[in-house]
């Protein structure tokens, strides 16, 4: 399951709680906070993933994303990729 504003384990908004109960996903990906987080959310038995922020605007210092392999319902090879400073003017492969 994926949504933009999703909160974090223990602090999910009511609409997200309802969706987690209804759909019971194995993985929940959300953003908005610009704070990278990968954590098992025991209340809903879900792997919570927030990739941070890949954009050049916002309060984050480092642009980040998460890369992983999903195969036959299993995740592996999870890594945090740093794209460079938020204020960087350099052009990189992520642009």
PDB file of N, CA and C in Angstrom:
ATOM      1  N   UNK A   1       0.847  -1.164   0.000  1.00  0.00           N
ATOM      2  CA  UNK A   1       0.000   0.000   0.000  1.00  0.00           C
ATOM      3  C   UNK A   1       0.894   1.229   0.000  1.00  0.00           C
ATOM      4  N   UNK A   2       0.461   2.269  -0.708  1.00  0.00           N
ATOM      5  CA  UNK A   2       1.256   3.488  -0.781  1.00  0.00           C
ATOM      6  C   UNK A   2       0.330   4.707  -0.726  1.00  0.00           C
ATOM      7  N   UNK A   3       0.773   5.721   0.009  1.00  0.00           N
ATOM      8  CA  UNK A   3       0.062   6.991   0.073  1.00  0.00           C
ATOM      9  C   UNK A   3       1.073   8.092   0.348  1.00  0.00           C
ATOM     10  N   UNK A   4       0.671   9.327   0.139  1.00  0.00           N
ATOM     11  CA  UNK A   4       1.593  10.436   0.356  1.00  0.00           C
ATOM     12  C   UNK A   4       1.767  10.703   1.853  1.00  0.00           C
ATOM     13  N   UNK A   5       0.736  11.179   2.507  1.00  0.00           N
ATOM     14  CA  UNK A   5       0.827  11.513   3.935  1.00  0.00           C
ATOM     15  C   UNK A   5       0.312  10.325   4.731  1.00  0.00           C
ATOM     16  N   UNK A   6       1.240   9.592   5.348  1.00  0.00           N
ATOM     17  CA  UNK A   6       0.841   8.356   6.002  1.00  0.00           C
ATOM     18  C   UNK A   6       1.181   8.252   7.470  1.00  0.00           C
ATOM     19  N   UNK A   7       1.881   9.230   7.999  1.00  0.00           N
ATOM     20  CA  UNK A   7       2.270   9.146   9.409  1.00  0.00           C
ATOM     21  C   UNK A   7       3.432   8.189   9.594  1.00  0.00           C
ATOM     22  N   UNK A   8       3.474   7.572  10.763  1.00  0.00           N
ATOM     23  CA  UNK A   8       4.541   6.617  11.090  1.00  0.00           C
ATOM     24  C   UNK A   8       3.980   5.613  12.084  1.00  0.00           C
ATOM     25  N   UNK A   9       4.664   4.495  12.279  1.00  0.00           N
ATOM     26  CA  UNK A   9       4.141   3.492  13.209  1.00  0.00           C
ATOM     27  C   UNK A   9       3.825   4.104  14.577  1.00  0.00           C
ATOM     28  N   UNK A  10       2.627   3.817  15.056  1.00  0.00           N
ATOM     29  CA  UNK A  10       2.168   4.361  16.328  1.00  0.00           C
ATOM     30  C   UNK A  10       1.536   5.734  16.207  1.00  0.00           C
ATOM     31  N   UNK A  11       1.648   6.374  15.044  1.00  0.00           N
ATOM     32  CA  UNK A  11       1.106   7.725  14.848  1.00  0.00           C
ATOM     33  C   UNK A  11       0.419   7.838  13.483  1.00  0.00           C
ATOM     34  N   UNK A  12      -0.314   6.806  13.082  1.00  0.00           N
ATOM     35  CA  UNK A  12      -1.015   6.848  11.804  1.00  0.00           C
ATOM     36  C   UNK A  12      -2.298   7.663  11.925  1.00  0.00           C
ATOM     37  N   UNK A  13      -2.612   8.477  10.909  1.00  0.00           N
ATOM     38  CA  UNK A  13      -3.904   9.175  10.897  1.00  0.00           C
ATOM     39  C   UNK A  13      -5.048   8.149  10.818  1.00  0.00           C
ATOM     40  N   UNK A  14      -6.234   8.536  11.236  1.00  0.00           N
ATOM     41  CA  UNK A  14      -7.375   7.619  11.250  1.00  0.00           C
ATOM     42  C   UNK A  14      -7.653   7.014   9.879  1.00  0.00           C
ATOM     43  N   UNK A  15      -7.547   7.794   8.800  1.00  0.00           N
ATOM     44  CA  UNK A  15      -7.837   7.270   7.456  1.00  0.00           C
ATOM     45  C   UNK A  15      -6.828   6.187   7.082  1.00  0.00           C
ATOM     46  N   UNK A  16      -5.572   6.335   7.502  1.00  0.00           N
ATOM     47  CA  UNK A  16      -4.549   5.330   7.216  1.00  0.00           C
ATOM     48  C   UNK A  16      -4.799   4.076   8.053  1.00  0.00           C
ATOM     49  N   UNK A  17      -5.154   4.253   9.312  1.00  0.00           N
ATOM     50  CA  UNK A  17      -5.480   3.101  10.160  1.00  0.00           C
ATOM     51  C   UNK A  17      -6.591   2.273   9.524  1.00  0.00           C
ATOM     52  N   UNK A  18      -7.623   2.946   9.030  1.00  0.00           N
ATOM     53  CA  UNK A  18      -8.750   2.240   8.406  1.00  0.00           C
ATOM     54  C   UNK A  18      -8.295   1.479   7.158  1.00  0.00           C
ATOM     55  N   UNK A  19      -7.440   2.088   6.360  1.00  0.00           N
ATOM     56  CA  UNK A  19      -6.935   1.424   5.153  1.00  0.00           C
ATOM     57  C   UNK A  19      -6.038   0.240   5.506  1.00  0.00           C
ATOM     58  N   UNK A  20      -5.199   0.400   6.517  1.00  0.00           N
ATOM     59  CA  UNK A  20      -4.333  -0.703   6.943  1.00  0.00           C
ATOM     60  C   UNK A  20      -5.161  -1.885   7.450  1.00  0.00           C
ATOM     61  N   UNK A  21      -6.219  -1.593   8.212  1.00  0.00           N
ATOM     62  CA  UNK A  21      -7.096  -2.661   8.695  1.00  0.00           C
ATOM     63  C   UNK A  21      -7.825  -3.338   7.532  1.00  0.00           C
ATOM     64  N   UNK A  22      -8.309  -2.539   6.589  1.00  0.00           N
ATOM     65  CA  UNK A  22      -9.098  -3.073   5.474  1.00  0.00           C
ATOM     66  C   UNK A  22      -8.266  -3.882   4.487  1.00  0.00           C
ATOM     67  N   UNK A  23      -7.056  -3.410   4.172  1.00  0.00           N
ATOM     68  CA  UNK A  23      -6.244  -4.032   3.121  1.00  0.00           C
ATOM     69  C   UNK A  23      -5.158  -4.965   3.647  1.00  0.00           C
ATOM     70  N   UNK A  24      -4.751  -4.804   4.900  1.00  0.00           N
ATOM     71  CA  UNK A  24      -3.727  -5.630   5.550  1.00  0.00           C
ATOM     72  C   UNK A  24      -2.501  -5.847   4.649  1.00  0.00           C
ATOM     73  N   UNK A  25      -1.863  -4.752   4.190  1.00  0.00           N
ATOM     74  CA  UNK A  25      -0.694  -4.916   3.318  1.00  0.00           C
ATOM     75  C   UNK A  25       0.517  -5.429   4.104  1.00  0.00           C
ATOM     76  N   UNK A  26       1.442  -6.025   3.387  1.00  0.00           N
ATOM     77  CA  UNK A  26       2.705  -6.438   3.999  1.00  0.00           C
ATOM     78  C   UNK A  26       3.666  -5.257   4.099  1.00  0.00           C
ATOM     79  N   UNK A  27       3.539  -4.320   3.137  1.00  0.00           N
ATOM     80  CA  UNK A  27       4.425  -3.155   3.063  1.00  0.00           C
ATOM     81  C   UNK A  27       3.569  -1.904   2.927  1.00  0.00           C
ATOM     82  N   UNK A  28       3.928  -0.872   3.666  1.00  0.00           N
ATOM     83  CA  UNK A  28       3.251   0.421   3.592  1.00  0.00           C
ATOM     84  C   UNK A  28       4.301   1.487   3.305  1.00  0.00           C
ATOM     85  N   UNK A  29       4.191   2.141   2.152  1.00  0.00           N
ATOM     86  CA  UNK A  29       5.147   3.172   1.742  1.00  0.00           C
ATOM     87  C   UNK A  29       4.438   4.511   1.773  1.00  0.00           C
ATOM     88  N   UNK A  30       5.052   5.478   2.438  1.00  0.00           N
ATOM     89  CA  UNK A  30       4.471   6.812   2.500  1.00  0.00           C
ATOM     90  C   UNK A  30       5.577   7.853   2.511  1.00  0.00           C
ATOM     91  N   UNK A  31       5.190   9.093   2.431  1.00  0.00           N
ATOM     92  CA  UNK A  31       6.167  10.165   2.397  1.00  0.00           C
ATOM     93  C   UNK A  31       5.698  11.348   3.212  1.00  0.00           C
ATOM     94  N   UNK A  32       5.951  12.525   2.703  1.00  0.00           N
ATOM     95  CA  UNK A  32       5.550  13.825   3.224  1.00  0.00           C
ATOM     96  C   UNK A  32       6.467  14.367   4.318  1.00  0.00           C
ATOM     97  N   UNK A  33       6.913  13.535   5.233  1.00  0.00           N
ATOM     98  CA  UNK A  33       7.696  14.041   6.367  1.00  0.00           C
ATOM     99  C   UNK A  33       9.139  14.379   5.990  1.00  0.00           C
ATOM    100  N   UNK A  34       9.624  13.858   4.862  1.00  0.00           N
ATOM    101  CA  UNK A  34      11.018  14.028   4.430  1.00  0.00           C
ATOM    102  C   UNK A  34      11.990  13.336   5.373  1.00  0.00           C
ATOM    103  N   UNK A  35      11.499  12.453   6.232  1.00  0.00           N
ATOM    104  CA  UNK A  35      12.342  11.742   7.191  1.00  0.00           C
ATOM    105  C   UNK A  35      12.397  10.270   6.803  1.00  0.00           C
ATOM    106  N   UNK A  36      13.576   9.783   6.453  1.00  0.00           N
ATOM    107  CA  UNK A  36      13.739   8.391   6.063  1.00  0.00           C
ATOM    108  C   UNK A  36      13.475   7.483   7.259  1.00  0.00           C
ATOM    109  N   UNK A  37      12.656   6.461   7.029  1.00  0.00           N
ATOM    110  CA  UNK A  37      12.343   5.524   8.101  1.00  0.00           C
ATOM    111  C   UNK A  37      11.946   4.182   7.503  1.00  0.00           C
ATOM    112  N   UNK A  38      12.540   3.125   7.987  1.00  0.00           N
ATOM    113  CA  UNK A  38      12.122   1.759   7.664  1.00  0.00           C
ATOM    114  C   UNK A  38      11.978   1.059   9.001  1.00  0.00           C
ATOM    115  N   UNK A  39      10.742   0.632   9.300  1.00  0.00           N
ATOM    116  CA  UNK A  39      10.478   0.065  10.618  1.00  0.00           C
ATOM    117  C   UNK A  39       9.284  -0.874  10.527  1.00  0.00           C
ATOM    118  N   UNK A  40       9.359  -1.974  11.244  1.00  0.00           N
ATOM    119  CA  UNK A  40       8.206  -2.863  11.320  1.00  0.00           C
ATOM    120  C   UNK A  40       7.178  -2.233  12.246  1.00  0.00           C
ATOM    121  N   UNK A  41       5.961  -2.066  11.732  1.00  0.00           N
ATOM    122  CA  UNK A  41       4.877  -1.515  12.536  1.00  0.00           C
ATOM    123  C   UNK A  41       4.079  -2.654  13.143  1.00  0.00           C
ATOM    124  N   UNK A  42       4.334  -3.024  14.391  1.00  0.00           N
ATOM    125  CA  UNK A  42       3.709  -4.204  14.974  1.00  0.00           C
ATOM    126  C   UNK A  42       2.187  -4.116  15.116  1.00  0.00           C
ATOM    127  N   UNK A  43       1.641  -2.916  15.274  1.00  0.00           N
ATOM    128  CA  UNK A  43       0.191  -2.781  15.456  1.00  0.00           C
ATOM    129  C   UNK A  43      -0.584  -3.316  14.254  1.00  0.00           C
ATOM    130  N   UNK A  44      -0.018  -3.163  13.054  1.00  0.00           N
ATOM    131  CA  UNK A  44      -0.693  -3.601  11.840  1.00  0.00           C
ATOM    132  C   UNK A  44       0.114  -4.665  11.100  1.00  0.00           C
ATOM    133  N   UNK A  45       1.160  -5.183  11.715  1.00  0.00           N
ATOM    134  CA  UNK A  45       2.026  -6.199  11.125  1.00  0.00           C
ATOM    135  C   UNK A  45       2.428  -5.815   9.696  1.00  0.00           C
ATOM    136  N   UNK A  46       3.004  -4.623   9.557  1.00  0.00           N
ATOM    137  CA  UNK A  46       3.357  -4.078   8.257  1.00  0.00           C
ATOM    138  C   UNK A  46       4.779  -3.513   8.307  1.00  0.00           C
ATOM    139  N   UNK A  47       5.493  -3.631   7.187  1.00  0.00           N
ATOM    140  CA  UNK A  47       6.793  -2.982   7.075  1.00  0.00           C
ATOM    141  C   UNK A  47       6.549  -1.556   6.588  1.00  0.00           C
ATOM    142  N   UNK A  48       6.824  -0.590   7.430  1.00  0.00           N
ATOM    143  CA  UNK A  48       6.624   0.828   7.135  1.00  0.00           C
ATOM    144  C   UNK A  48       7.886   1.361   6.467  1.00  0.00           C
ATOM    145  N   UNK A  49       7.724   2.002   5.308  1.00  0.00           N
ATOM    146  CA  UNK A  49       8.873   2.554   4.589  1.00  0.00           C
ATOM    147  C   UNK A  49       8.578   3.989   4.163  1.00  0.00           C
ATOM    148  N   UNK A  50       9.464   4.899   4.552  1.00  0.00           N
ATOM    149  CA  UNK A  50       9.418   6.281   4.087  1.00  0.00           C
ATOM    150  C   UNK A  50      10.787   6.554   3.467  1.00  0.00           C
ATOM    151  N   UNK A  51      10.818   6.843   2.157  1.00  0.00           N
ATOM    152  CA  UNK A  51      12.104   7.008   1.488  1.00  0.00           C
ATOM    153  C   UNK A  51      12.829   8.309   1.783  1.00  0.00           C
ATOM    154  N   UNK A  52      12.235   9.194   2.551  1.00  0.00           N
ATOM    155  CA  UNK A  52      12.856  10.495   2.812  1.00  0.00           C
ATOM    156  C   UNK A  52      12.383  11.494   1.776  1.00  0.00           C
ATOM    157  N   UNK A  53      13.311  12.168   1.129  1.00  0.00           N
ATOM    158  CA  UNK A  53      12.948  13.175   0.130  1.00  0.00           C
ATOM    159  C   UNK A  53      14.013  13.224  -0.958  1.00  0.00           C
ATOM    160  N   UNK A  54      13.587  13.097  -2.196  1.00  0.00           N
ATOM    161  CA  UNK A  54      14.513  13.136  -3.321  1.00  0.00           C
ATOM    162  C   UNK A  54      14.568  14.513  -3.970  1.00  0.00           C
ATOM    163  N   UNK A  55      13.684  15.400  -3.564  1.00  0.00           N
ATOM    164  CA  UNK A  55      13.599  16.717  -4.191  1.00  0.00           C
ATOM    165  C   UNK A  55      14.629  17.710  -3.680  1.00  0.00           C
ATOM    166  N   UNK A  56      14.705  18.808  -4.359  1.00  0.00           N
ATOM    167  CA  UNK A  56      15.659  19.864  -3.994  1.00  0.00           C
ATOM    168  C   UNK A  56      15.039  20.919  -3.069  1.00  0.00           C
ATOM    169  N   UNK A  57      13.745  20.809  -2.789  1.00  0.00           N
ATOM    170  CA  UNK A  57      13.071  21.780  -1.919  1.00  0.00           C
ATOM    171  C   UNK A  57      12.602  21.079  -0.651  1.00  0.00           C
ATOM    172  N   UNK A  58      12.650  21.780   0.461  1.00  0.00           N
ATOM    173  CA  UNK A  58      12.213  21.238   1.740  1.00  0.00           C
ATOM    174  C   UNK A  58      13.275  21.469   2.798  1.00  0.00           C
ATOM    175  N   UNK A  59      13.041  20.935   3.977  1.00  0.00           N
ATOM    176  CA  UNK A  59      13.956  21.172   5.091  1.00  0.00           C
ATOM    177  C   UNK A  59      15.025  20.091   5.224  1.00  0.00           C
ATOM    178  N   UNK A  60      14.924  19.004   4.455  1.00  0.00           N
ATOM    179  CA  UNK A  60      15.911  17.932   4.548  1.00  0.00           C
ATOM    180  C   UNK A  60      17.261  18.411   4.034  1.00  0.00           C
ATOM    181  N   UNK A  61      18.314  17.819   4.538  1.00  0.00           N
ATOM    182  CA  UNK A  61      19.670  18.200   4.107  1.00  0.00           C
ATOM    183  C   UNK A  61      20.178  17.312   2.979  1.00  0.00           C
ATOM    184  N   UNK A  62      19.843  16.029   3.033  1.00  0.00           N
ATOM    185  CA  UNK A  62      20.310  15.066   2.040  1.00  0.00           C
ATOM    186  C   UNK A  62      19.109  14.518   1.272  1.00  0.00           C
ATOM    187  N   UNK A  63      19.223  14.451  -0.040  1.00  0.00           N
ATOM    188  CA  UNK A  63      18.176  13.848  -0.869  1.00  0.00           C
ATOM    189  C   UNK A  63      18.362  12.329  -0.840  1.00  0.00           C
ATOM    190  N   UNK A  64      17.288  11.605  -0.554  1.00  0.00           N
ATOM    191  CA  UNK A  64      17.384  10.156  -0.388  1.00  0.00           C
ATOM    192  C   UNK A  64      16.258   9.427  -1.112  1.00  0.00           C
ATOM    193  N   UNK A  65      16.488   8.149  -1.319  1.00  0.00           N
ATOM    194  CA  UNK A  65      15.458   7.240  -1.796  1.00  0.00           C
ATOM    195  C   UNK A  65      15.791   5.855  -1.276  1.00  0.00           C
ATOM    196  N   UNK A  66      14.813   4.972  -1.321  1.00  0.00           N
ATOM    197  CA  UNK A  66      15.027   3.580  -0.934  1.00  0.00           C
ATOM    198  C   UNK A  66      14.964   2.723  -2.185  1.00  0.00           C
ATOM    199  N   UNK A  67      15.885   1.784  -2.292  1.00  0.00           N
ATOM    200  CA  UNK A  67      15.884   0.844  -3.414  1.00  0.00           C
ATOM    201  C   UNK A  67      15.842  -0.559  -2.820  1.00  0.00           C
ATOM    202  N   UNK A  68      14.998  -1.409  -3.412  1.00  0.00           N
ATOM    203  CA  UNK A  68      14.873  -2.772  -2.924  1.00  0.00           C
ATOM    204  C   UNK A  68      14.356  -3.660  -4.042  1.00  0.00           C
ATOM    205  N   UNK A  69      14.437  -4.946  -3.823  1.00  0.00           N
ATOM    206  CA  UNK A  69      13.908  -5.930  -4.753  1.00  0.00           C
ATOM    207  C   UNK A  69      12.655  -6.537  -4.148  1.00  0.00           C
ATOM    208  N   UNK A  70      11.603  -6.620  -4.938  1.00  0.00           N
ATOM    209  CA  UNK A  70      10.376  -7.305  -4.537  1.00  0.00           C
ATOM    210  C   UNK A  70      10.201  -8.487  -5.485  1.00  0.00           C
ATOM    211  N   UNK A  71      10.179  -9.703  -4.937  1.00  0.00           N
ATOM    212  CA  UNK A  71      10.069 -10.892  -5.758  1.00  0.00           C
ATOM    213  C   UNK A  71       9.230 -11.931  -5.032  1.00  0.00           C
ATOM    214  N   UNK A  72       8.144 -12.318  -5.640  1.00  0.00           N
ATOM    215  CA  UNK A  72       7.257 -13.355  -5.087  1.00  0.00           C
ATOM    216  C   UNK A  72       6.840 -13.050  -3.655  1.00  0.00           C
ATOM    217  N   UNK A  73       6.507 -11.790  -3.391  1.00  0.00           N
ATOM    218  CA  UNK A  73       6.024 -11.394  -2.078  1.00  0.00           C
ATOM    219  C   UNK A  73       7.094 -11.180  -1.030  1.00  0.00           C
ATOM    220  N   UNK A  74       8.345 -11.240  -1.414  1.00  0.00           N
ATOM    221  CA  UNK A  74       9.447 -11.047  -0.467  1.00  0.00           C
ATOM    222  C   UNK A  74      10.285  -9.839  -0.879  1.00  0.00           C
ATOM    223  N   UNK A  75      10.699  -9.055   0.104  1.00  0.00           N
ATOM    224  CA  UNK A  75      11.588  -7.927  -0.142  1.00  0.00           C
ATOM    225  C   UNK A  75      13.011  -8.318   0.226  1.00  0.00           C
ATOM    226  N   UNK A  76      13.956  -7.845  -0.570  1.00  0.00           N
ATOM    227  CA  UNK A  76      15.366  -8.086  -0.258  1.00  0.00           C
ATOM    228  C   UNK A  76      16.193  -6.939  -0.807  1.00  0.00           C
ATOM    229  N   UNK A  77      17.461  -6.941  -0.480  1.00  0.00           N
ATOM    230  CA  UNK A  77      18.426  -5.965  -1.002  1.00  0.00           C
ATOM    231  C   UNK A  77      18.021  -4.517  -0.738  1.00  0.00           C
ATOM    232  N   UNK A  78      17.429  -4.258   0.412  1.00  0.00           N
ATOM    233  CA  UNK A  78      17.019  -2.895   0.753  1.00  0.00           C
ATOM    234  C   UNK A  78      18.249  -2.027   0.970  1.00  0.00           C
ATOM    235  N   UNK A  79      18.267  -0.874   0.330  1.00  0.00           N
ATOM    236  CA  UNK A  79      19.365   0.068   0.553  1.00  0.00           C
ATOM    237  C   UNK A  79      18.863   1.504   0.520  1.00  0.00           C
ATOM    238  N   UNK A  80      19.501   2.332   1.302  1.00  0.00           N
ATOM    239  CA  UNK A  80      19.265   3.762   1.308  1.00  0.00           C
ATOM    240  C   UNK A  80      20.241   4.377   0.312  1.00  0.00           C
ATOM    241  N   UNK A  81      19.721   5.117  -0.646  1.00  0.00           N
ATOM    242  CA  UNK A  81      20.552   5.774  -1.653  1.00  0.00           C
ATOM    243  C   UNK A  81      20.547   7.271  -1.365  1.00  0.00           C
ATOM    244  N   UNK A  82      21.727   7.844  -1.198  1.00  0.00           N
ATOM    245  CA  UNK A  82      21.853   9.288  -1.001  1.00  0.00           C
ATOM    246  C   UNK A  82      22.167   9.923  -2.344  1.00  0.00           C
ATOM    247  N   UNK A  83      21.342  10.891  -2.738  1.00  0.00           N
ATOM    248  CA  UNK A  83      21.471  11.539  -4.039  1.00  0.00           C
ATOM    249  C   UNK A  83      22.286  12.818  -4.001  1.00  0.00           C
ATOM    250  N   UNK A  84      22.691  13.222  -2.828  1.00  0.00           N
ATOM    251  CA  UNK A  84      23.458  14.452  -2.681  1.00  0.00           C
ATOM    252  C   UNK A  84      22.687  15.470  -1.868  1.00  0.00           C
ATOM    253  N   UNK A  85      23.337  16.575  -1.534  1.00  0.00           N
ATOM    254  CA  UNK A  85      22.695  17.612  -0.718  1.00  0.00           C
ATOM    255  C   UNK A  85      21.477  18.216  -1.409  1.00  0.00           C
ATOM    256  N   UNK A  86      20.512  18.601  -0.612  1.00  0.00           N
ATOM    257  CA  UNK A  86      19.285  19.220  -1.119  1.00  0.00           C
ATOM    258  C   UNK A  86      19.595  20.444  -1.956  1.00  0.00           C
ATOM    259  N   UNK A  87      20.528  21.234  -1.526  1.00  0.00           N
ATOM    260  CA  UNK A  87      20.812  22.508  -2.198  1.00  0.00           C
ATOM    261  C   UNK A  87      21.811  22.370  -3.347  1.00  0.00           C
ATOM    262  N   UNK A  88      22.178  21.134  -3.672  1.00  0.00           N
ATOM    263  CA  UNK A  88      23.167  20.903  -4.721  1.00  0.00           C
ATOM    264  C   UNK A  88      22.669  21.399  -6.071  1.00  0.00           C
ATOM    265  N   UNK A  89      23.553  22.009  -6.825  1.00  0.00           N
ATOM    266  CA  UNK A  89      23.244  22.440  -8.183  1.00  0.00           C
ATOM    267  C   UNK A  89      23.788  21.450  -9.206  1.00  0.00           C
ATOM    268  N   UNK A  90      24.494  20.441  -8.723  1.00  0.00           N
ATOM    269  CA  UNK A  90      25.074  19.447  -9.622  1.00  0.00           C
ATOM    270  C   UNK A  90      23.972  18.608 -10.257  1.00  0.00           C
ATOM    271  N   UNK A  91      24.156  18.260 -11.496  1.00  0.00           N
ATOM    272  CA  UNK A  91      23.223  17.397 -12.191  1.00  0.00           C
ATOM    273  C   UNK A  91      23.695  15.969 -11.989  1.00  0.00           C
ATOM    274  N   UNK A  92      22.791  15.107 -11.556  1.00  0.00           N
ATOM    275  CA  UNK A  92      23.159  13.717 -11.359  1.00  0.00           C
ATOM    276  C   UNK A  92      22.167  12.803 -12.058  1.00  0.00           C
ATOM    277  N   UNK A  93      22.346  11.532 -11.942  1.00  0.00           N
ATOM    278  CA  UNK A  93      21.522  10.563 -12.650  1.00  0.00           C
ATOM    279  C   UNK A  93      20.081  10.586 -12.208  1.00  0.00           C
ATOM    280  N   UNK A  94      19.794  11.120 -11.029  1.00  0.00           N
ATOM    281  CA  UNK A  94      18.426  11.133 -10.519  1.00  0.00           C
ATOM    282  C   UNK A  94      17.589  12.273 -11.101  1.00  0.00           C
ATOM    283  N   UNK A  95      18.223  13.245 -11.759  1.00  0.00           N
ATOM    284  CA  UNK A  95      17.479  14.395 -12.282  1.00  0.00           C
ATOM    285  C   UNK A  95      16.644  14.060 -13.481  1.00  0.00           C
TER     286      UNK A  95
END
